[in-house]
Amino acid sequence: TALKTAGVLPVGLDIDNLVELAKTQLEREADYLAECIRTGWISSEGPFIKRFEQAMAEAAGRRHGIAVTIGMDMANFVAMRSGIAVARQRLEETANGAERVTD
């Protein structure tokens, strides 16, 4: 290949195997994309998300998994589940002079 000829690849790197692996993965990705388009499941829900959540839950030894779209969603979820969000709300209400504290 041109990369080998140019000498830009690390010594000993077998790019042929990497290219074959990439082709296989891209073929699978194309199949997944076609299925999403065919079934109308191009969103943050659907069978692929469910499969991902289940696989992650199994890998983590948990009953449930939750997929989120961005890191801030996960940070908010963790804060909510750990009670940090409630504590923060109480601090803000106290600092703002709110008369009632909510849970």
C-alpha atoms as a PDB file:
ATOM      1  CA  THR A   1       0.000   0.000   0.000  1.00  0.00           C
ATOM      2  CA  ALA A   2       0.979   3.645  -0.268  1.00  0.00           C
ATOM      3  CA  LEU A   3       1.322   3.916   3.507  1.00  0.00           C
ATOM      4  CA  LYS A   4       3.798   1.046   3.619  1.00  0.00           C
ATOM      5  CA  THR A   5       5.753   2.472   0.702  1.00  0.00           C
ATOM      6  CA  ALA A   6       5.906   5.903   2.328  1.00  0.00           C
ATOM      7  CA  GLY A   7       7.239   4.354   5.534  1.00  0.00           C
ATOM      8  CA  VAL A   8       4.716   6.099   7.771  1.00  0.00           C
ATOM      9  CA  LEU A   9       3.498   2.937   9.501  1.00  0.00           C
ATOM     10  CA  PRO A  10       5.135   1.610  12.657  1.00  0.00           C
ATOM     11  CA  VAL A  11       7.534  -1.281  12.043  1.00  0.00           C
ATOM     12  CA  GLY A  12       5.767  -4.613  12.403  1.00  0.00           C
ATOM     13  CA  LEU A  13       2.256  -3.256  11.983  1.00  0.00           C
ATOM     14  CA  ASP A  14       0.287  -5.621   9.779  1.00  0.00           C
ATOM     15  CA  ILE A  15      -2.053  -3.182   8.077  1.00  0.00           C
ATOM     16  CA  ASP A  16      -3.576  -5.880   5.879  1.00  0.00           C
ATOM     17  CA  ASN A  17      -5.217  -7.523   8.908  1.00  0.00           C
ATOM     18  CA  LEU A  18      -6.423  -4.145  10.152  1.00  0.00           C
ATOM     19  CA  VAL A  19      -7.965  -3.342   6.787  1.00  0.00           C
ATOM     20  CA  GLU A  20      -9.771  -6.696   6.675  1.00  0.00           C
ATOM     21  CA  LEU A  21     -11.056  -6.191  10.218  1.00  0.00           C
ATOM     22  CA  ALA A  22     -12.262  -2.685   9.327  1.00  0.00           C
ATOM     23  CA  LYS A  23     -14.054  -4.016   6.239  1.00  0.00           C
ATOM     24  CA  THR A  24     -15.868  -6.628   8.335  1.00  0.00           C
ATOM     25  CA  GLN A  25     -16.896  -4.065  10.939  1.00  0.00           C
ATOM     26  CA  LEU A  26     -18.041  -1.577   8.314  1.00  0.00           C
ATOM     27  CA  GLU A  27     -20.132  -4.259   6.621  1.00  0.00           C
ATOM     28  CA  ARG A  28     -21.860  -4.930   9.962  1.00  0.00           C
ATOM     29  CA  GLU A  29     -22.366  -1.211  10.529  1.00  0.00           C
ATOM     30  CA  ALA A  30     -23.919  -0.914   7.061  1.00  0.00           C
ATOM     31  CA  ASP A  31     -26.268  -3.799   7.892  1.00  0.00           C
ATOM     32  CA  TYR A  32     -27.231  -2.154  11.201  1.00  0.00           C
ATOM     33  CA  LEU A  33     -27.838   1.174   9.483  1.00  0.00           C
ATOM     34  CA  ALA A  34     -29.978  -0.464   6.797  1.00  0.00           C
ATOM     35  CA  GLU A  35     -32.038  -2.207   9.495  1.00  0.00           C
ATOM     36  CA  CYS A  36     -32.555   1.085  11.343  1.00  0.00           C
ATOM     37  CA  ILE A  37     -33.738   2.775   8.167  1.00  0.00           C
ATOM     38  CA  ARG A  38     -35.924  -0.179   7.154  1.00  0.00           C
ATOM     39  CA  THR A  39     -37.622  -0.406  10.568  1.00  0.00           C
ATOM     40  CA  GLY A  40     -37.797   3.335  11.229  1.00  0.00           C
ATOM     41  CA  TRP A  41     -35.753   3.094  14.426  1.00  0.00           C
ATOM     42  CA  ILE A  42     -33.463   6.074  13.977  1.00  0.00           C
ATOM     43  CA  SER A  43     -33.766   7.605  17.424  1.00  0.00           C
ATOM     44  CA  SER A  44     -32.584   7.298  20.991  1.00  0.00           C
ATOM     45  CA  GLU A  45     -34.861   4.293  21.515  1.00  0.00           C
ATOM     46  CA  GLY A  46     -35.439   1.004  19.788  1.00  0.00           C
ATOM     47  CA  PRO A  47     -34.025  -2.497  19.607  1.00  0.00           C
ATOM     48  CA  PHE A  48     -30.373  -1.485  19.204  1.00  0.00           C
ATOM     49  CA  ILE A  49     -30.501   0.737  22.285  1.00  0.00           C
ATOM     50  CA  LYS A  50     -32.237  -1.991  24.266  1.00  0.00           C
ATOM     51  CA  ARG A  51     -29.597  -4.537  23.201  1.00  0.00           C
ATOM     52  CA  PHE A  52     -26.814  -2.111  24.135  1.00  0.00           C
ATOM     53  CA  GLU A  53     -28.350  -1.412  27.557  1.00  0.00           C
ATOM     54  CA  GLN A  54     -28.781  -5.124  28.238  1.00  0.00           C
ATOM     55  CA  ALA A  55     -25.228  -5.941  27.176  1.00  0.00           C
ATOM     56  CA  MET A  56     -23.788  -3.165  29.342  1.00  0.00           C
ATOM     57  CA  ALA A  57     -25.886  -4.255  32.319  1.00  0.00           C
ATOM     58  CA  GLU A  58     -24.664  -7.834  31.928  1.00  0.00           C
ATOM     59  CA  ALA A  59     -21.059  -6.688  31.599  1.00  0.00           C
ATOM     60  CA  ALA A  60     -21.422  -4.628  34.798  1.00  0.00           C
ATOM     61  CA  GLY A  61     -23.232  -7.415  36.650  1.00  0.00           C
ATOM     62  CA  ARG A  62     -26.439  -5.388  36.940  1.00  0.00           C
ATOM     63  CA  ARG A  63     -30.073  -6.079  36.103  1.00  0.00           C
ATOM     64  CA  HIS A  64     -30.558  -2.855  34.138  1.00  0.00           C
ATOM     65  CA  GLY A  65     -28.551  -0.502  31.979  1.00  0.00           C
ATOM     66  CA  ILE A  66     -29.337   2.999  30.784  1.00  0.00           C
ATOM     67  CA  ALA A  67     -27.962   4.544  27.609  1.00  0.00           C
ATOM     68  CA  VAL A  68     -27.596   8.325  27.528  1.00  0.00           C
ATOM     69  CA  THR A  69     -26.803  10.601  24.631  1.00  0.00           C
ATOM     70  CA  ILE A  70     -24.253  12.916  26.250  1.00  0.00           C
ATOM     71  CA  GLY A  71     -22.011  12.887  29.309  1.00  0.00           C
ATOM     72  CA  MET A  72     -23.970  15.625  31.073  1.00  0.00           C
ATOM     73  CA  ASP A  73     -27.059  13.400  31.035  1.00  0.00           C
ATOM     74  CA  MET A  74     -25.049  10.740  32.849  1.00  0.00           C
ATOM     75  CA  ALA A  75     -23.674  13.261  35.359  1.00  0.00           C
ATOM     76  CA  ASN A  76     -27.194  14.484  36.103  1.00  0.00           C
ATOM     77  CA  PHE A  77     -28.478  10.921  36.439  1.00  0.00           C
ATOM     78  CA  VAL A  78     -25.690   9.969  38.850  1.00  0.00           C
ATOM     79  CA  ALA A  79     -26.256  13.145  40.872  1.00  0.00           C
ATOM     80  CA  MET A  80     -29.982  12.434  41.066  1.00  0.00           C
ATOM     81  CA  ARG A  81     -29.488   8.781  42.064  1.00  0.00           C
ATOM     82  CA  SER A  82     -26.881   9.604  44.701  1.00  0.00           C
ATOM     83  CA  GLY A  83     -28.869  12.401  46.341  1.00  0.00           C
ATOM     84  CA  ILE A  84     -26.500  15.142  45.241  1.00  0.00           C
ATOM     85  CA  ALA A  85     -29.241  16.855  43.233  1.00  0.00           C
ATOM     86  CA  VAL A  86     -31.533  17.045  46.276  1.00  0.00           C
ATOM     87  CA  ALA A  87     -28.732  18.411  48.448  1.00  0.00           C
ATOM     88  CA  ARG A  88     -27.858  20.991  45.793  1.00  0.00           C
ATOM     89  CA  GLN A  89     -31.486  22.062  45.521  1.00  0.00           C
ATOM     90  CA  ARG A  90     -31.648  22.538  49.296  1.00  0.00           C
ATOM     91  CA  LEU A  91     -28.450  24.595  49.284  1.00  0.00           C
ATOM     92  CA  GLU A  92     -29.745  26.793  46.465  1.00  0.00           C
ATOM     93  CA  GLU A  93     -33.063  27.332  48.206  1.00  0.00           C
ATOM     94  CA  THR A  94     -31.299  28.211  51.462  1.00  0.00           C
ATOM     95  CA  ALA A  95     -28.933  30.581  49.675  1.00  0.00           C
ATOM     96  CA  ASN A  96     -31.848  32.221  47.862  1.00  0.00           C
ATOM     97  CA  GLY A  97     -33.832  32.634  51.073  1.00  0.00           C
ATOM     98  CA  ALA A  98     -36.537  30.142  50.131  1.00  0.00           C
ATOM     99  CA  GLU A  99     -38.869  29.465  53.019  1.00  0.00           C
ATOM    100  CA  ARG A 100     -39.623  25.845  52.281  1.00  0.00           C
ATOM    101  CA  VAL A 101     -37.209  23.010  51.589  1.00  0.00           C
ATOM    102  CA  THR A 102     -38.363  20.302  49.220  1.00  0.00           C
ATOM    103  CA  ASP A 103     -37.113  16.739  48.864  1.00  0.00           C
END
